[in-house]
Amino acid sequence: MPKTSARLLSLLSLLQARRDWPGALLAERLDVSPRTVRRDVDRLRELGYPVVAMKGPDGGYRLDAGTELPPLLFDDEQAVALAVALQIATTTGAGIEEAAARALNTVRQVLPARLRHRVDTLRVTAVDRPAIRPEPQVDSDVLMAIGAAVHGREVLRFDYSPVSGPVRATVGTSEGCEGTPAAPPGSAAPSGAAAPSGAAAPPAPPRDTPPQTPRHSDPPPPRRVEPHHLVTWGRRWYLVAWDLDRDDWRTFRADRITPRTPTGPRFPPRELPGGSVAAFITARFRGIGATQGPDGVGGWPCRGEVILALPAAEVLRHTREGIVEELGPDRCRVVLGSWSWPGLAAAIGRFDADIEVIGPPELASAFAHLATRYAAAGQPRAAPNP
């Protein structure tokens, strides 16, 4: 029996590793006969594992989805990865903190002693960046409804609440919201160029301007989109979709979406500008055209080149993006990008070193502009008359 039990665990591990397994290959991997594999498959079925037999010349088996969640088998690395992922789930903004804590406790209880010790010694404290106001939470039912529409390629109808309005999170309601601004992501954009701690705050990407609606008028009609991707950026969730009414790509904040049911008809997928969802979202947040592919400095609208009187190793410690080339023990060539030329000049100036501008002229003009502004700010102010 111990040999049979160990063989069952090995069989279960193999079935979880890939989708389809020929019976002869399973028998070879387990070093048993095909008849023994068939008996072991029957034992797994009795334990609640939905193992499906596949017909064909060779035959085979597949671990299918069942109506209940049977015991799962994780190797050491998977168990540790799962524990770490559950500990940092509080930073996802998906409103699953309590469920993640309960899941972690469940997983920990069934871990063998050696893995439980590893997980207990790897305690992760997830700390969010300070914010003026709490980040909006997205109801998990809303995420599931959006994800189902994306997966099924079904037209999604939803009410879109304004930024200043209440955030609705009930799936299936048909109640509208006053004001439905379109949603290229603006309020959660990063705070500047690739510099020690960022540069000037970037301008928000352009927003659609909704028509002015008289007070006490009927609520606007729901948005109709072809949902393509559900993404996260800066602890917020966004839906990337083709807006059927505006005939263009849009991004919508998931915490402002109230899906309506039922969903619409199925649609053929469109090609996303930029070639990938990562390139598209990065372009939208950085205020550049979605069809422009990111370059070596992340596709910022403004890109400049300078020589800094600093070792390359010191610059690299504070540069999240960009190109740094060593020119000598105390000189390096730096290529960075930002939202604007003044923002780029301010980011470079924070390195507190002599600067030689290579180009373009707009960057040199931005340094001159900031020099004038900073010189005026450094002058003592006249005392007010008594």
Protein backbone atom coordinates (compact mmCIF):
# COMPACT_ATOMS: atom_id res chain seq x y z
CA MET A 1 0.00 0.00 0.00
CA PRO A 2 2.75 2.58 0.69
CA LYS A 3 4.11 1.81 -2.78
CA THR A 4 0.66 2.21 -4.30
CA SER A 5 0.06 5.50 -2.43
CA ALA A 6 3.39 6.90 -3.58
CA ARG A 7 2.61 5.85 -7.14
CA LEU A 8 -0.79 7.61 -6.97
CA LEU A 9 0.87 10.83 -5.86
CA SER A 10 3.37 10.54 -8.70
CA LEU A 11 0.56 9.94 -11.17
CA LEU A 12 -1.37 12.94 -9.86
CA SER A 13 1.72 15.12 -10.12
CA LEU A 14 2.24 14.08 -13.74
CA LEU A 15 -1.40 14.75 -14.64
CA GLN A 16 -1.11 18.25 -13.19
CA ALA A 17 2.11 18.97 -15.10
CA ARG A 18 0.59 18.88 -18.61
CA ARG A 19 -2.84 18.74 -20.17
CA ASP A 20 -2.81 15.42 -22.06
CA TRP A 21 -0.83 12.28 -21.30
CA PRO A 22 -0.70 9.19 -23.56
CA GLY A 23 -1.27 6.06 -21.49
CA ALA A 24 1.92 4.40 -22.71
CA LEU A 25 3.99 7.43 -21.72
CA LEU A 26 2.47 7.48 -18.23
CA ALA A 27 3.25 3.79 -17.82
CA GLU A 28 6.84 4.42 -18.91
CA ARG A 29 7.29 7.37 -16.54
CA LEU A 30 5.86 5.40 -13.60
CA ASP A 31 7.65 2.19 -14.60
CA VAL A 32 4.45 0.15 -14.48
CA SER A 33 2.18 -1.57 -16.99
CA PRO A 34 -0.67 0.21 -18.83
CA ARG A 35 -3.09 -1.97 -16.84
CA THR A 36 -1.68 -0.63 -13.56
CA VAL A 37 -2.09 2.93 -14.88
CA ARG A 38 -5.76 2.21 -15.59
CA ARG A 39 -6.28 0.87 -12.06
CA ASP A 40 -4.53 3.89 -10.54
CA VAL A 41 -6.67 6.24 -12.60
CA ASP A 42 -9.77 4.50 -11.22
CA ARG A 43 -8.43 5.01 -7.69
CA LEU A 44 -7.94 8.74 -8.34
CA ARG A 45 -11.49 8.99 -9.61
CA GLU A 46 -12.76 7.35 -6.42
CA LEU A 47 -10.88 10.04 -4.46
CA GLY A 48 -12.68 12.80 -6.40
CA TYR A 49 -10.16 13.62 -9.11
CA PRO A 50 -11.93 14.01 -12.49
CA VAL A 51 -9.53 12.07 -14.72
CA VAL A 52 -10.90 11.83 -18.26
CA ALA A 53 -9.89 9.01 -20.62
CA MET A 54 -9.16 10.11 -24.19
CA LYS A 55 -9.97 7.90 -27.15
CA GLY A 56 -7.60 7.35 -30.01
CA PRO A 57 -4.94 5.01 -31.36
CA ASP A 58 -2.78 5.43 -28.27
CA GLY A 59 -5.38 6.52 -25.76
CA GLY A 60 -4.53 8.74 -22.85
CA TYR A 61 -5.69 10.65 -19.81
CA ARG A 62 -6.42 14.22 -18.79
CA LEU A 63 -7.08 15.79 -15.40
CA ASP A 64 -10.30 17.70 -16.02
CA ALA A 65 -12.14 20.32 -13.97
CA GLY A 66 -14.68 18.94 -11.52
CA THR A 67 -17.66 20.20 -9.57
CA GLU A 68 -15.65 20.24 -6.33
CA LEU A 69 -12.08 21.19 -5.52
CA PRO A 70 -10.17 17.99 -4.72
CA PRO A 71 -6.89 17.99 -2.81
CA LEU A 72 -4.10 19.54 -4.86
CA LEU A 73 -0.51 18.50 -5.07
CA PHE A 74 2.26 21.10 -5.09
CA ASP A 75 5.97 20.63 -5.29
CA ASP A 76 8.23 22.55 -2.90
CA GLU A 77 8.76 25.55 -5.17
CA GLN A 78 5.05 25.84 -6.01
CA ALA A 79 4.07 25.74 -2.33
CA VAL A 80 6.50 28.51 -1.38
CA ALA A 81 5.48 30.61 -4.41
CA LEU A 82 1.80 30.23 -3.46
CA ALA A 83 2.49 31.32 0.12
CA VAL A 84 4.40 34.41 -1.02
CA ALA A 85 1.71 35.35 -3.54
CA LEU A 86 -1.00 35.12 -0.90
CA GLN A 87 0.99 37.32 1.49
CA ILE A 88 1.31 40.15 -1.07
CA ALA A 89 -2.31 39.89 -2.23
CA THR A 90 -3.14 42.94 -0.09
CA THR A 91 -1.44 45.16 -2.69
CA THR A 92 -3.57 44.02 -5.63
CA GLY A 93 -6.51 46.37 -5.01
CA ALA A 94 -8.91 43.54 -5.79
CA GLY A 95 -10.58 43.41 -2.37
CA ILE A 96 -9.40 39.85 -1.65
CA GLU A 97 -7.32 40.53 1.46
CA GLU A 98 -9.45 38.50 3.89
CA ALA A 99 -9.86 35.60 1.45
CA ALA A 100 -6.11 35.55 0.79
CA ALA A 101 -5.37 35.42 4.52
CA ARG A 102 -7.76 32.49 4.98
CA ALA A 103 -6.28 30.70 1.97
CA LEU A 104 -2.76 31.15 3.33
CA ASN A 105 -3.81 29.68 6.66
CA THR A 106 -5.42 26.70 4.88
CA VAL A 107 -2.34 26.06 2.76
CA ARG A 108 -0.03 26.36 5.75
CA GLN A 109 -1.96 23.76 7.75
CA VAL A 110 -1.50 21.06 5.10
CA LEU A 111 2.15 21.79 4.31
CA PRO A 112 4.73 19.26 5.49
CA ALA A 113 6.82 20.42 8.43
CA ARG A 114 9.90 21.25 6.36
CA LEU A 115 7.89 23.49 3.97
CA ARG A 116 5.86 25.04 6.78
CA HIS A 117 9.13 26.10 8.40
CA ARG A 118 10.32 27.70 5.13
CA VAL A 119 7.04 29.57 4.71
CA ASP A 120 7.03 30.74 8.35
CA THR A 121 10.56 32.11 8.01
CA LEU A 122 9.58 33.97 4.82
CA ARG A 123 7.18 36.53 6.21
CA VAL A 124 6.46 39.30 3.73
CA THR A 125 5.08 42.65 4.88
CA ALA A 126 3.25 44.28 1.99
CA VAL A 127 3.40 48.07 2.34
CA ASP A 128 1.58 50.38 -0.05
CA ARG A 129 2.92 53.74 -1.09
CA PRO A 130 1.49 56.63 0.96
CA ALA A 131 -1.53 58.18 -0.71
CA ILE A 132 -3.56 61.31 -0.04
CA ARG A 133 -6.70 59.19 -0.09
CA PRO A 134 -7.21 55.44 -0.02
CA GLU A 135 -6.88 53.65 -3.32
CA PRO A 136 -10.22 52.45 -4.69
CA GLN A 137 -11.02 48.79 -4.20
CA VAL A 138 -12.58 46.72 -6.96
CA ASP A 139 -15.27 44.23 -6.08
CA SER A 140 -14.14 40.73 -7.02
CA ASP A 141 -17.54 40.07 -8.65
CA VAL A 142 -16.91 43.00 -10.98
CA LEU A 143 -13.49 41.62 -11.92
CA MET A 144 -15.02 38.20 -12.54
CA ALA A 145 -17.74 39.68 -14.75
CA ILE A 146 -15.22 41.66 -16.79
CA GLY A 147 -12.86 38.70 -17.02
CA ALA A 148 -15.68 36.44 -18.22
CA ALA A 149 -16.58 38.89 -20.99
CA VAL A 150 -12.92 39.14 -22.02
CA HIS A 151 -12.55 35.37 -22.07
CA GLY A 152 -15.83 34.81 -23.94
CA ARG A 153 -15.19 37.69 -26.39
CA GLU A 154 -18.66 39.05 -25.66
CA VAL A 155 -19.70 42.69 -25.95
CA LEU A 156 -19.80 44.19 -22.47
CA ARG A 157 -22.37 46.77 -21.42
CA PHE A 158 -21.74 48.77 -18.26
CA ASP A 159 -22.45 51.99 -16.42
CA TYR A 160 -19.39 54.13 -15.85
CA SER A 161 -19.47 56.34 -12.79
CA PRO A 162 -17.72 59.73 -12.82
CA VAL A 163 -14.53 60.29 -10.86
CA SER A 164 -16.23 62.41 -8.24
CA GLY A 165 -19.31 60.22 -8.03
CA PRO A 166 -19.93 57.15 -5.95
CA VAL A 167 -18.22 53.97 -7.03
CA ARG A 168 -20.75 51.27 -7.75
CA ALA A 169 -19.75 47.65 -7.37
CA THR A 170 -22.91 45.61 -7.85
CA VAL A 171 -22.96 43.27 -10.79
CA GLY A 172 -26.13 43.05 -12.83
CA THR A 173 -27.79 46.36 -12.02
CA SER A 174 -29.26 48.38 -14.85
CA GLU A 175 -29.17 51.68 -13.02
CA GLY A 176 -27.18 54.35 -14.83
CA CYS A 177 -24.76 56.98 -13.51
CA GLU A 178 -24.75 60.69 -14.21
CA GLY A 179 -21.81 61.59 -16.41
CA THR A 180 -19.72 58.97 -18.18
CA PRO A 181 -16.32 60.38 -19.04
CA ALA A 182 -14.25 58.05 -21.16
CA ALA A 183 -11.36 56.48 -19.41
CA PRO A 184 -7.87 56.69 -20.74
CA PRO A 185 -6.00 56.22 -17.45
CA GLY A 186 -4.95 59.57 -16.07
CA SER A 187 -5.29 59.64 -12.33
CA ALA A 188 -2.95 56.74 -11.64
CA ALA A 189 -0.07 57.65 -13.92
CA PRO A 190 3.53 57.44 -12.76
CA SER A 191 5.13 60.58 -11.43
CA GLY A 192 7.79 61.48 -13.93
CA ALA A 193 10.98 60.46 -15.65
CA ALA A 194 13.51 57.84 -14.81
CA ALA A 195 15.38 59.70 -12.09
CA PRO A 196 16.22 59.10 -8.41
CA SER A 197 12.69 59.84 -7.26
CA GLY A 198 10.92 61.07 -10.38
CA ALA A 199 10.53 64.46 -11.98
CA ALA A 200 7.69 66.85 -12.47
CA ALA A 201 4.28 65.22 -12.36
CA PRO A 202 3.19 64.27 -15.88
CA PRO A 203 0.09 65.68 -17.50
CA ALA A 204 -2.88 63.36 -17.50
CA PRO A 205 -3.61 61.66 -20.82
CA PRO A 206 -6.46 63.29 -22.75
CA ARG A 207 -9.98 62.39 -21.77
CA ASP A 208 -13.15 62.38 -23.77
CA THR A 209 -15.39 65.31 -22.94
CA PRO A 210 -18.93 64.09 -22.40
CA PRO A 211 -21.78 66.28 -23.57
CA GLN A 212 -23.21 68.56 -20.92
CA THR A 213 -26.31 66.98 -19.44
CA PRO A 214 -28.99 69.11 -17.79
CA ARG A 215 -29.66 68.43 -14.16
CA HIS A 216 -32.37 65.88 -13.39
CA SER A 217 -32.11 64.46 -16.91
CA ASP A 218 -32.25 60.79 -17.73
CA PRO A 219 -29.06 58.87 -17.01
CA PRO A 220 -26.77 58.34 -19.98
CA PRO A 221 -26.95 55.07 -21.85
CA PRO A 222 -24.52 52.33 -20.89
CA ARG A 223 -21.15 52.06 -22.53
CA ARG A 224 -20.82 49.31 -25.14
CA VAL A 225 -17.35 47.89 -25.67
CA GLU A 226 -15.50 44.88 -27.00
CA PRO A 227 -13.39 43.89 -23.94
CA HIS A 228 -9.91 42.68 -24.80
CA HIS A 229 -7.70 42.78 -21.69
CA LEU A 230 -8.02 43.20 -17.91
CA VAL A 231 -4.77 44.72 -16.62
CA THR A 232 -3.28 46.19 -13.46
CA TRP A 233 -1.17 49.33 -13.24
CA GLY A 234 -0.13 51.11 -10.07
CA ARG A 235 -2.46 49.02 -7.85
CA ARG A 236 -5.46 49.86 -10.03
CA TRP A 237 -7.36 47.64 -12.43
CA TYR A 238 -8.16 48.71 -15.97
CA LEU A 239 -10.18 47.31 -18.84
CA VAL A 240 -8.68 47.72 -22.31
CA ALA A 241 -11.51 47.67 -24.82
CA TRP A 242 -12.70 48.81 -28.22
CA ASP A 243 -15.45 51.41 -27.64
CA LEU A 244 -18.24 50.68 -30.11
CA ASP A 245 -19.82 54.13 -29.76
CA ARG A 246 -16.57 56.10 -30.11
CA ASP A 247 -15.00 53.74 -32.64
CA ASP A 248 -11.64 53.79 -30.85
CA TRP A 249 -9.57 52.02 -28.20
CA ARG A 250 -10.25 53.06 -24.62
CA THR A 251 -9.09 52.13 -21.13
CA PHE A 252 -11.59 52.11 -18.27
CA ARG A 253 -10.98 52.01 -14.53
CA ALA A 254 -12.53 48.82 -13.20
CA ASP A 255 -13.54 50.40 -9.88
CA ARG A 256 -15.88 52.74 -11.80
CA ILE A 257 -17.48 49.98 -13.89
CA THR A 258 -20.89 48.47 -13.09
CA PRO A 259 -21.45 45.63 -15.55
CA ARG A 260 -24.92 45.07 -16.95
CA THR A 261 -26.36 41.68 -17.76
CA PRO A 262 -26.77 39.97 -20.07
CA THR A 263 -23.67 40.56 -22.16
CA GLY A 264 -23.90 41.25 -25.87
CA PRO A 265 -22.99 39.17 -28.92
CA ARG A 266 -19.60 37.59 -29.52
CA PHE A 267 -17.03 39.52 -31.55
CA PRO A 268 -13.84 38.69 -33.45
CA PRO A 269 -10.70 39.97 -31.70
CA ARG A 270 -9.02 43.12 -33.00
CA GLU A 271 -5.30 43.77 -33.20
CA LEU A 272 -4.22 46.00 -30.34
CA PRO A 273 -2.12 49.06 -31.30
CA GLY A 274 1.50 48.78 -30.26
CA GLY A 275 1.64 45.03 -30.74
CA SER A 276 1.00 44.07 -27.11
CA VAL A 277 -1.13 45.12 -24.18
CA ALA A 278 2.00 46.16 -22.25
CA ALA A 279 3.11 48.51 -25.04
CA PHE A 280 -0.40 49.92 -25.41
CA ILE A 281 -0.89 50.63 -21.69
CA THR A 282 2.61 52.09 -21.33
CA ALA A 283 1.97 54.41 -24.27
CA ARG A 284 -1.38 55.57 -22.86
CA PHE A 285 0.08 56.36 -19.45
CA ARG A 286 3.03 58.21 -20.94
CA GLY A 287 1.00 60.36 -23.30
CA ILE A 288 2.35 59.02 -26.58
CA GLY A 289 0.59 57.44 -29.49
CA ALA A 290 -0.33 53.84 -28.92
CA THR A 291 1.14 52.93 -32.29
CA GLN A 292 4.60 54.15 -31.26
CA GLY A 293 6.67 51.26 -30.00
CA PRO A 294 8.65 51.82 -26.82
CA ASP A 295 12.35 52.46 -27.43
CA GLY A 296 15.36 52.10 -25.18
CA VAL A 297 14.06 54.72 -22.74
CA GLY A 298 10.54 53.39 -22.48
CA GLY A 299 8.86 55.44 -25.20
CA TRP A 300 8.65 58.76 -23.33
CA PRO A 301 7.46 61.73 -25.44
CA CYS A 302 10.65 63.70 -24.64
CA ARG A 303 14.07 62.06 -24.82
CA GLY A 304 17.44 63.70 -24.22
CA GLU A 305 21.12 62.87 -23.99
CA VAL A 306 23.65 64.38 -21.57
CA ILE A 307 27.09 63.74 -20.08
CA LEU A 308 27.20 63.73 -16.29
CA ALA A 309 30.29 64.21 -14.15
CA LEU A 310 29.52 61.09 -12.14
CA PRO A 311 30.62 57.45 -12.26
CA ALA A 312 28.26 55.29 -14.29
CA ALA A 313 27.77 52.91 -11.36
CA GLU A 314 26.43 55.74 -9.18
CA VAL A 315 23.98 56.90 -11.86
CA LEU A 316 22.74 53.36 -12.48
CA ARG A 317 21.72 52.99 -8.82
CA HIS A 318 19.14 55.76 -9.25
CA THR A 319 17.97 55.18 -12.83
CA ARG A 320 14.97 52.94 -13.30
CA GLU A 321 14.91 53.40 -17.08
CA GLY A 322 17.33 54.76 -19.60
CA ILE A 323 20.78 54.18 -21.05
CA VAL A 324 23.95 54.78 -19.04
CA GLU A 325 27.34 54.42 -20.74
CA GLU A 326 30.65 54.74 -18.90
CA LEU A 327 33.04 57.29 -20.44
CA GLY A 328 35.63 57.34 -17.69
CA PRO A 329 36.03 56.96 -13.94
CA ASP A 330 33.96 60.09 -13.27
CA ARG A 331 32.02 60.66 -16.51
CA CYS A 332 29.12 58.85 -18.15
CA ARG A 333 26.70 59.32 -21.02
CA VAL A 334 23.03 59.21 -20.02
CA VAL A 335 19.91 58.97 -22.18
CA LEU A 336 16.63 59.51 -20.33
CA GLY A 337 13.00 60.27 -21.13
CA SER A 338 10.17 62.17 -19.48
CA TRP A 339 6.78 63.74 -20.04
CA SER A 340 8.15 67.18 -20.85
CA TRP A 341 11.46 68.92 -21.48
CA PRO A 342 11.37 70.86 -18.18
CA GLY A 343 10.50 67.60 -16.39
CA LEU A 344 13.45 65.86 -18.04
CA ALA A 345 15.81 68.71 -17.18
CA ALA A 346 14.64 68.68 -13.56
CA ALA A 347 15.14 64.91 -13.35
CA ILE A 348 18.69 65.16 -14.68
CA GLY A 349 19.47 68.08 -12.37
CA ARG A 350 18.70 65.97 -9.33
CA PHE A 351 21.89 64.00 -9.86
CA ASP A 352 23.73 67.07 -8.44
CA ALA A 353 26.62 66.98 -10.92
CA ASP A 354 27.99 69.04 -13.79
CA ILE A 355 25.94 68.51 -16.95
CA GLU A 356 26.91 68.70 -20.61
CA VAL A 357 23.89 68.63 -22.93
CA ILE A 358 24.39 66.57 -26.09
CA GLY A 359 20.90 67.12 -27.42
CA PRO A 360 18.34 67.94 -28.50
CA PRO A 361 18.14 71.76 -28.41
CA GLU A 362 14.81 71.57 -26.58
CA LEU A 363 16.57 70.03 -23.58
CA ALA A 364 19.17 72.81 -23.47
CA SER A 365 16.35 75.40 -23.63
CA ALA A 366 14.59 73.64 -20.77
CA PHE A 367 17.75 73.87 -18.62
CA ALA A 368 17.98 77.61 -19.38
CA HIS A 369 14.31 78.07 -18.53
CA LEU A 370 14.69 76.26 -15.20
CA ALA A 371 17.89 78.18 -14.41
CA THR A 372 16.01 81.48 -14.75
CA ARG A 373 13.13 80.20 -12.66
CA TYR A 374 15.38 78.80 -9.92
CA ALA A 375 17.48 81.97 -9.82
CA ALA A 376 14.34 84.02 -9.25
CA ALA A 377 13.19 81.62 -6.57
CA GLY A 378 16.56 81.98 -4.80
CA GLN A 379 16.35 85.76 -4.50
CA PRO A 380 15.34 87.05 -1.05
CA ARG A 381 11.81 88.37 -0.95
CA ALA A 382 11.26 91.96 0.11
CA ALA A 383 9.82 92.33 3.58
CA PRO A 384 6.22 93.55 3.58
CA ASN A 385 5.62 97.15 4.60
CA PRO A 386 4.52 97.46 8.24
